[in-house]
Amino acid sequence: MTKATRLHAVVEGIVQGVNFRQSAARRARALGLTGWVMNRPDRSVETVAEGPRAALEEYLAWLQQGPPAAVVRGVSARWETATGEFDRFSIEY
């Protein structure tokens, strides 16, 4: 089994009201990741995802583009040790 890793990222730009969370969750689930995505009060989107490093790198690449209506201006990402606390990928409110 591939060792799990954690990606913690904040996406800035026009990323709220453009279906970003739903699209991110769909992408993460398709990659077999667990974790969450949520809107932040400052109009950015935050996500924590766990899974194989290669799948997380693909998710990060997707975050840097976002869905068609989004305008991503920047992504700050950090790699952390996976905790295994998630059993699925959810949209948080």
Protein backbone atom coordinates (compact mmCIF):
# COMPACT_ATOMS: atom_id res chain seq x y z
CA MET A 1 0.00 0.00 0.00
CA THR A 2 1.22 3.48 -0.89
CA LYS A 3 1.89 5.69 2.11
CA ALA A 4 -0.69 8.42 2.55
CA THR A 5 0.28 12.08 2.66
CA ARG A 6 -1.73 15.21 3.48
CA LEU A 7 -2.08 18.33 1.35
CA HIS A 8 -3.39 21.51 2.99
CA ALA A 9 -4.12 24.25 0.44
CA VAL A 10 -5.78 27.65 0.24
CA VAL A 11 -6.94 28.84 -3.19
CA GLU A 12 -7.33 32.57 -3.83
CA GLY A 13 -9.03 34.45 -6.64
CA ILE A 14 -12.60 34.27 -7.91
CA VAL A 15 -13.26 30.89 -6.34
CA GLN A 16 -16.59 31.31 -4.52
CA GLY A 17 -19.92 31.20 -6.32
CA VAL A 18 -18.36 29.40 -9.29
CA ASN A 19 -18.98 25.76 -8.28
CA PHE A 20 -15.43 25.42 -6.95
CA ARG A 21 -16.20 23.32 -3.86
CA GLN A 22 -18.44 20.89 -5.72
CA SER A 23 -15.94 20.51 -8.55
CA ALA A 24 -13.03 20.08 -6.11
CA ALA A 25 -14.92 17.42 -4.16
CA ARG A 26 -15.79 15.57 -7.38
CA ARG A 27 -12.13 15.67 -8.48
CA ALA A 28 -10.82 14.56 -5.08
CA ARG A 29 -13.28 11.67 -4.92
CA ALA A 30 -12.34 10.58 -8.45
CA LEU A 31 -8.70 10.48 -7.30
CA GLY A 32 -9.61 8.40 -4.25
CA LEU A 33 -8.74 11.14 -1.75
CA THR A 34 -10.32 11.81 1.63
CA GLY A 35 -10.66 15.15 3.41
CA TRP A 36 -12.71 18.30 2.92
CA VAL A 37 -13.12 21.58 1.05
CA MET A 38 -14.77 24.76 2.33
CA ASN A 39 -15.28 28.46 1.63
CA ARG A 40 -13.45 30.86 3.95
CA PRO A 41 -14.78 34.26 5.10
CA ASP A 42 -12.01 36.02 3.11
CA ARG A 43 -13.53 34.62 -0.16
CA SER A 44 -10.80 32.00 -0.59
CA VAL A 45 -11.33 28.23 -0.58
CA GLU A 46 -9.48 25.92 1.81
CA THR A 47 -8.98 22.20 1.37
CA VAL A 48 -7.31 19.37 3.25
CA ALA A 49 -6.87 16.09 1.39
CA GLU A 50 -5.16 12.82 2.20
CA GLY A 51 -4.07 10.00 -0.06
CA PRO A 52 -1.16 8.85 -2.21
CA ARG A 53 1.30 11.64 -3.07
CA ALA A 54 0.78 11.21 -6.84
CA ALA A 55 -2.99 11.64 -6.50
CA LEU A 56 -2.50 14.69 -4.27
CA GLU A 57 -0.15 16.24 -6.81
CA GLU A 58 -2.82 15.74 -9.49
CA TYR A 59 -5.41 17.34 -7.17
CA LEU A 60 -3.06 20.28 -6.52
CA ALA A 61 -2.60 20.77 -10.27
CA TRP A 62 -6.39 20.82 -10.63
CA LEU A 63 -6.70 23.37 -7.79
CA GLN A 64 -4.31 25.68 -9.67
CA GLN A 65 -6.82 25.79 -12.55
CA GLY A 66 -10.21 25.19 -10.87
CA PRO A 67 -13.51 24.79 -12.70
CA PRO A 68 -14.19 26.79 -15.88
CA ALA A 69 -15.86 29.81 -14.17
CA ALA A 70 -13.10 30.22 -11.56
CA VAL A 71 -10.18 32.63 -11.79
CA VAL A 72 -7.41 31.19 -9.62
CA ARG A 73 -4.88 33.87 -8.64
CA GLY A 74 -2.80 31.73 -6.34
CA VAL A 75 -2.59 28.55 -4.33
CA SER A 76 -0.63 28.24 -1.12
CA ALA A 77 0.00 24.60 -0.35
CA ARG A 78 1.86 22.70 2.30
CA TRP A 79 2.58 19.02 2.66
CA GLU A 80 1.90 17.42 6.01
CA THR A 81 1.81 13.98 7.61
CA ALA A 82 -1.48 12.18 7.02
CA THR A 83 -3.56 11.49 10.11
CA GLY A 84 -6.03 9.03 8.59
CA GLU A 85 -8.88 10.89 10.31
CA PHE A 86 -11.14 11.09 7.24
CA ASP A 87 -13.27 8.30 5.79
CA ARG A 88 -14.53 10.29 2.78
CA PHE A 89 -14.17 13.62 1.01
CA SER A 90 -16.77 16.18 2.08
CA ILE A 91 -17.88 19.73 1.43
CA GLU A 92 -17.87 21.69 4.68
CA TYR A 93 -20.09 24.69 5.38
